[in-house]
N, C-alpha and C. Protein backbone atom coordinates (compact mmCIF):
# COMPACT_ATOMS: atom_id res chain seq x y z
N MET A 1 -26.89 31.22 -14.87
CA MET A 1 -25.31 31.64 -15.34
C MET A 1 -24.69 32.69 -13.78
N ARG A 2 -25.77 33.52 -13.34
CA ARG A 2 -25.62 34.55 -12.14
C ARG A 2 -25.42 33.47 -11.32
N ALA A 3 -26.00 32.48 -10.83
CA ALA A 3 -25.28 31.70 -9.23
C ALA A 3 -23.96 30.71 -9.65
N TYR A 4 -24.14 30.59 -10.99
CA TYR A 4 -22.71 29.94 -10.83
C TYR A 4 -21.25 30.94 -11.06
N LEU A 5 -21.78 32.18 -11.65
CA LEU A 5 -20.56 33.28 -11.08
C LEU A 5 -20.30 33.88 -9.65
N ARG A 6 -21.63 33.25 -8.85
CA ARG A 6 -21.49 33.73 -7.58
C ARG A 6 -20.53 32.70 -6.39
N LEU A 7 -21.28 31.47 -6.99
CA LEU A 7 -20.32 30.33 -6.67
C LEU A 7 -18.76 30.47 -6.73
N MET A 8 -18.19 30.71 -8.03
CA MET A 8 -16.93 30.74 -7.93
C MET A 8 -16.25 31.80 -7.22
N ALA A 9 -16.67 33.01 -7.14
CA ALA A 9 -16.75 34.04 -6.55
C ALA A 9 -15.98 33.79 -5.00
N THR A 10 -17.36 32.92 -4.40
CA THR A 10 -17.20 32.53 -3.25
C THR A 10 -16.23 31.59 -2.93
N LEU A 11 -15.80 30.74 -4.16
CA LEU A 11 -14.97 29.48 -3.91
C LEU A 11 -13.05 30.16 -3.86
N VAL A 12 -13.27 31.30 -4.78
CA VAL A 12 -12.11 32.01 -4.81
C VAL A 12 -11.64 33.04 -3.46
N VAL A 13 -12.69 33.38 -3.23
CA VAL A 13 -12.67 34.28 -1.76
C VAL A 13 -12.08 33.32 -0.80
N ALA A 14 -13.03 31.75 -0.98
CA ALA A 14 -12.17 31.25 0.14
C ALA A 14 -11.14 30.61 -0.15
N ALA A 15 -10.65 30.29 -0.92
CA ALA A 15 -9.23 29.76 -1.28
C ALA A 15 -8.21 30.76 -0.96
N VAL A 16 -8.62 31.98 -1.18
CA VAL A 16 -7.51 33.34 -0.78
C VAL A 16 -7.41 33.45 1.48
N ALA A 17 -8.28 32.93 1.38
CA ALA A 17 -8.50 33.53 2.85
C ALA A 17 -7.89 32.45 3.71
N MET A 18 -8.19 31.08 2.93
CA MET A 18 -7.49 29.82 3.80
C MET A 18 -6.42 29.33 3.12
N PRO A 19 -5.25 29.84 3.07
CA PRO A 19 -3.81 29.18 2.15
C PRO A 19 -3.80 27.81 3.30
N ALA A 20 -3.13 27.02 2.48
CA ALA A 20 -2.79 25.56 2.79
C ALA A 20 -1.42 25.80 3.32
N SER A 21 -1.60 24.68 4.46
CA SER A 21 -0.19 24.49 5.02
C SER A 21 0.52 23.46 5.72
N TRP A 22 1.74 23.45 5.86
CA TRP A 22 2.98 22.44 5.97
C TRP A 22 2.31 21.15 6.68
N PHE A 23 1.46 22.02 7.87
CA PHE A 23 0.84 21.09 8.59
C PHE A 23 -0.38 20.17 8.29
N GLN A 24 -1.28 20.44 7.18
CA GLN A 24 -2.27 20.21 6.73
C GLN A 24 -1.65 18.88 5.54
N LEU A 25 -0.36 19.38 5.02
CA LEU A 25 0.41 18.42 4.40
C LEU A 25 0.78 16.89 5.21
N LEU A 26 1.03 17.68 5.94
CA LEU A 26 1.77 16.43 7.14
C LEU A 26 0.31 15.35 7.52
N ASP A 27 -0.32 16.02 7.46
CA ASP A 27 -1.94 15.14 8.08
C ASP A 27 -2.42 14.47 7.19
N THR A 28 -2.03 15.02 5.95
CA THR A 28 -2.38 14.05 4.93
C THR A 28 -1.80 12.74 4.41
N LEU A 29 -0.02 13.19 4.64
CA LEU A 29 0.37 12.14 4.67
C LEU A 29 0.33 11.00 5.98
N LYS A 30 0.22 11.66 7.24
CA LYS A 30 -0.57 10.25 8.48
C LYS A 30 -1.79 9.71 7.88
N GLU A 31 -2.51 10.76 7.62
CA GLU A 31 -3.85 9.67 7.18
C GLU A 31 -3.20 8.69 6.10
N GLN A 32 -2.75 9.19 5.28
CA GLN A 32 -2.25 7.91 3.85
C GLN A 32 -1.85 6.84 4.67
N ALA A 33 -0.93 7.15 5.75
CA ALA A 33 -0.22 5.96 6.06
C ALA A 33 -0.82 5.02 7.19
N SER A 34 -2.05 6.00 7.87
CA SER A 34 -2.46 5.16 8.57
C SER A 34 -3.63 4.17 7.49
N TYR A 35 -3.84 4.99 6.34
CA TYR A 35 -5.05 3.78 5.37
C TYR A 35 -3.78 2.43 5.10
N GLU A 36 -3.25 3.08 5.23
CA GLU A 36 -2.16 1.90 3.94
C GLU A 36 -2.12 0.46 5.07
N SER A 37 -1.62 1.01 6.50
CA SER A 37 -1.19 0.09 7.40
C SER A 37 -2.32 -0.72 7.83
N TYR A 38 -3.61 0.03 7.31
CA TYR A 38 -5.13 -1.12 7.59
C TYR A 38 -5.47 -1.91 6.43
N TYR A 39 -4.94 -1.07 5.41
CA TYR A 39 -5.15 -2.44 4.28
C TYR A 39 -4.26 -3.23 4.13
N ARG A 40 -3.43 -2.84 4.47
CA ARG A 40 -1.59 -4.08 4.86
C ARG A 40 -2.51 -5.12 5.53
N SER A 41 -2.70 -5.13 6.89
CA SER A 41 -3.48 -6.02 7.39
C SER A 41 -4.63 -6.64 7.00
N GLN A 42 -5.22 -6.04 6.16
CA GLN A 42 -6.51 -6.97 5.62
C GLN A 42 -6.54 -8.27 5.08
N PRO A 43 -6.80 -9.36 5.43
CA PRO A 43 -6.55 -10.40 4.20
C PRO A 43 -7.35 -10.11 2.91
N PRO A 44 -7.23 -11.13 2.05
CA PRO A 44 -7.59 -10.42 0.36
C PRO A 44 -8.93 -11.11 0.64
N VAL A 45 -10.15 -10.72 -0.43
CA VAL A 45 -11.22 -11.33 -0.58
C VAL A 45 -11.58 -11.31 -1.88
N ALA A 46 -10.78 -11.42 -2.66
CA ALA A 46 -10.45 -11.99 -4.03
C ALA A 46 -9.19 -12.30 -4.61
N CYS A 47 -8.84 -12.97 -5.47
CA CYS A 47 -7.83 -13.57 -5.81
C CYS A 47 -7.16 -12.44 -6.49
N PRO A 48 -6.16 -12.09 -6.77
CA PRO A 48 -5.22 -10.88 -6.82
C PRO A 48 -4.95 -11.16 -8.43
N TRP A 49 -4.90 -12.48 -9.28
CA TRP A 49 -4.94 -13.09 -10.32
C TRP A 49 -5.69 -13.11 -11.60
N CYS A 50 -7.26 -13.10 -10.65
CA CYS A 50 -8.31 -13.41 -11.87
C CYS A 50 -9.41 -12.64 -11.05
N GLY A 51 -9.43 -12.04 -10.13
CA GLY A 51 -10.71 -11.37 -9.30
C GLY A 51 -11.25 -12.29 -8.75
N GLN A 52 -11.44 -13.13 -9.37
CA GLN A 52 -12.80 -14.03 -8.58
C GLN A 52 -12.74 -14.02 -6.83
N PRO A 53 -13.78 -14.09 -6.28
CA PRO A 53 -13.88 -14.06 -4.65
C PRO A 53 -13.46 -15.59 -4.33
N LEU A 54 -12.05 -15.15 -3.37
CA LEU A 54 -11.88 -16.20 -2.75
C LEU A 54 -12.91 -16.90 -1.37
N THR A 55 -12.43 -18.57 -1.51
CA THR A 55 -13.73 -19.17 -1.31
C THR A 55 -12.61 -19.89 0.62
N ASN A 56 -13.44 -19.89 1.43
CA ASN A 56 -12.57 -20.66 2.70
C ASN A 56 -12.44 -22.36 2.42
N GLY A 57 -11.22 -22.52 3.14
CA GLY A 57 -10.62 -23.82 2.59
C GLY A 57 -11.24 -25.10 3.71
N PRO A 58 -10.83 -26.06 3.67
CA PRO A 58 -11.43 -27.05 4.57
C PRO A 58 -10.74 -26.62 5.76
N PRO A 59 -12.00 -27.15 7.28
CA PRO A 59 -11.60 -26.92 8.13
C PRO A 59 -10.43 -27.64 8.95
N GLN A 60 -9.62 -28.46 8.75
CA GLN A 60 -8.41 -28.74 8.89
C GLN A 60 -6.93 -28.04 8.11
N ALA A 61 -7.46 -26.86 7.52
CA ALA A 61 -6.77 -26.44 6.62
C ALA A 61 -6.27 -25.18 7.17
N GLY A 62 -7.04 -25.16 8.37
CA GLY A 62 -6.95 -23.57 9.34
C GLY A 62 -7.76 -22.47 8.57
N ALA A 63 -6.55 -21.48 8.63
CA ALA A 63 -7.47 -20.30 7.98
C ALA A 63 -7.21 -19.57 6.15
N LEU A 64 -7.33 -20.71 5.48
CA LEU A 64 -6.99 -21.03 4.75
C LEU A 64 -7.84 -20.24 3.47
N LEU A 65 -7.96 -19.35 2.28
CA LEU A 65 -8.31 -18.72 1.33
C LEU A 65 -8.01 -19.50 0.32
N TYR A 66 -8.62 -19.88 -0.54
CA TYR A 66 -8.47 -19.95 -1.96
C TYR A 66 -9.32 -19.66 -3.10
N CYS A 67 -8.74 -19.93 -4.11
CA CYS A 67 -9.66 -19.20 -5.23
C CYS A 67 -10.02 -20.71 -6.68
N PRO A 68 -11.06 -20.68 -6.43
CA PRO A 68 -11.31 -22.43 -7.42
C PRO A 68 -10.83 -21.91 -8.59
N SER A 69 -10.61 -20.74 -9.18
CA SER A 69 -10.56 -20.88 -10.57
C SER A 69 -9.19 -21.36 -10.87
N ASP A 70 -7.93 -20.98 -10.01
CA ASP A 70 -6.66 -20.74 -10.50
C ASP A 70 -6.09 -21.66 -9.30
N GLY A 71 -6.58 -21.77 -8.21
CA GLY A 71 -5.59 -22.59 -6.98
C GLY A 71 -5.05 -21.45 -6.35
N TRP A 72 -5.03 -20.51 -6.85
CA TRP A 72 -4.39 -19.48 -5.58
C TRP A 72 -5.11 -19.05 -4.64
N GLN A 73 -4.04 -19.75 -3.31
CA GLN A 73 -4.58 -19.85 -1.98
C GLN A 73 -3.67 -18.70 -1.16
N TYR A 74 -4.50 -18.61 0.06
CA TYR A 74 -3.97 -16.83 0.83
C TYR A 74 -3.37 -17.96 2.08
N PRO A 75 -2.49 -18.08 3.22
CA PRO A 75 -1.41 -17.18 2.95
C PRO A 75 -0.32 -17.43 2.13
N ARG A 76 -0.33 -19.14 1.36
CA ARG A 76 0.82 -19.68 0.88
C ARG A 76 1.04 -18.46 -0.30
N ASP A 77 0.38 -17.94 -1.26
CA ASP A 77 0.85 -17.24 -2.58
C ASP A 77 0.68 -16.01 -2.11
N TRP A 78 0.27 -15.38 -0.96
CA TRP A 78 0.48 -14.02 -0.30
C TRP A 78 1.64 -13.00 -0.43
N ASP A 79 1.85 -12.22 -0.74
CA ASP A 79 3.42 -11.13 -0.98
C ASP A 79 2.66 -9.52 -0.70
N GLU A 80 2.75 -9.72 0.62
CA GLU A 80 2.31 -8.40 0.76
C GLU A 80 2.87 -7.25 0.33
N ASP A 81 4.26 -6.86 -0.26
CA ASP A 81 4.72 -6.13 -0.47
C ASP A 81 4.14 -5.27 -2.02
N SER A 82 3.77 -7.23 -2.90
CA SER A 82 2.84 -6.41 -4.27
C SER A 82 1.48 -6.37 -4.23
N MET A 83 1.09 -7.40 -3.38
CA MET A 83 -0.46 -7.48 -3.46
C MET A 83 -1.34 -6.45 -2.66
N ALA A 84 -0.77 -6.35 -1.23
CA ALA A 84 -1.48 -5.65 -0.03
C ALA A 84 -1.08 -4.17 -0.51
N GLY A 85 -2.50 -3.38 -0.04
CA GLY A 85 -2.94 -2.47 -0.12
C GLY A 85 -4.00 -1.59 -0.42
N MET A 86 -4.37 -0.31 -1.15
CA MET A 86 -5.18 -0.18 -1.54
C MET A 86 -5.70 -0.51 -3.04
């Protein structure tokens, strides 16, 4: 119990000593924007409808990924606004 109280006292002192600033909030928003742009640029690895891993299509189809369960195809059925992201 004493160790817990000592830890809590240390955390309270640290929180009072270092207040958050608007620059930290701005850095957090910039980091979130970089994560979003990264994940939007990545192709899907699983079907957004059923969660089944996507399979590579035939070589003549180019860069086609499809779901063997329900026929979902990338990039034909891909909607970046509703399916991309984290």
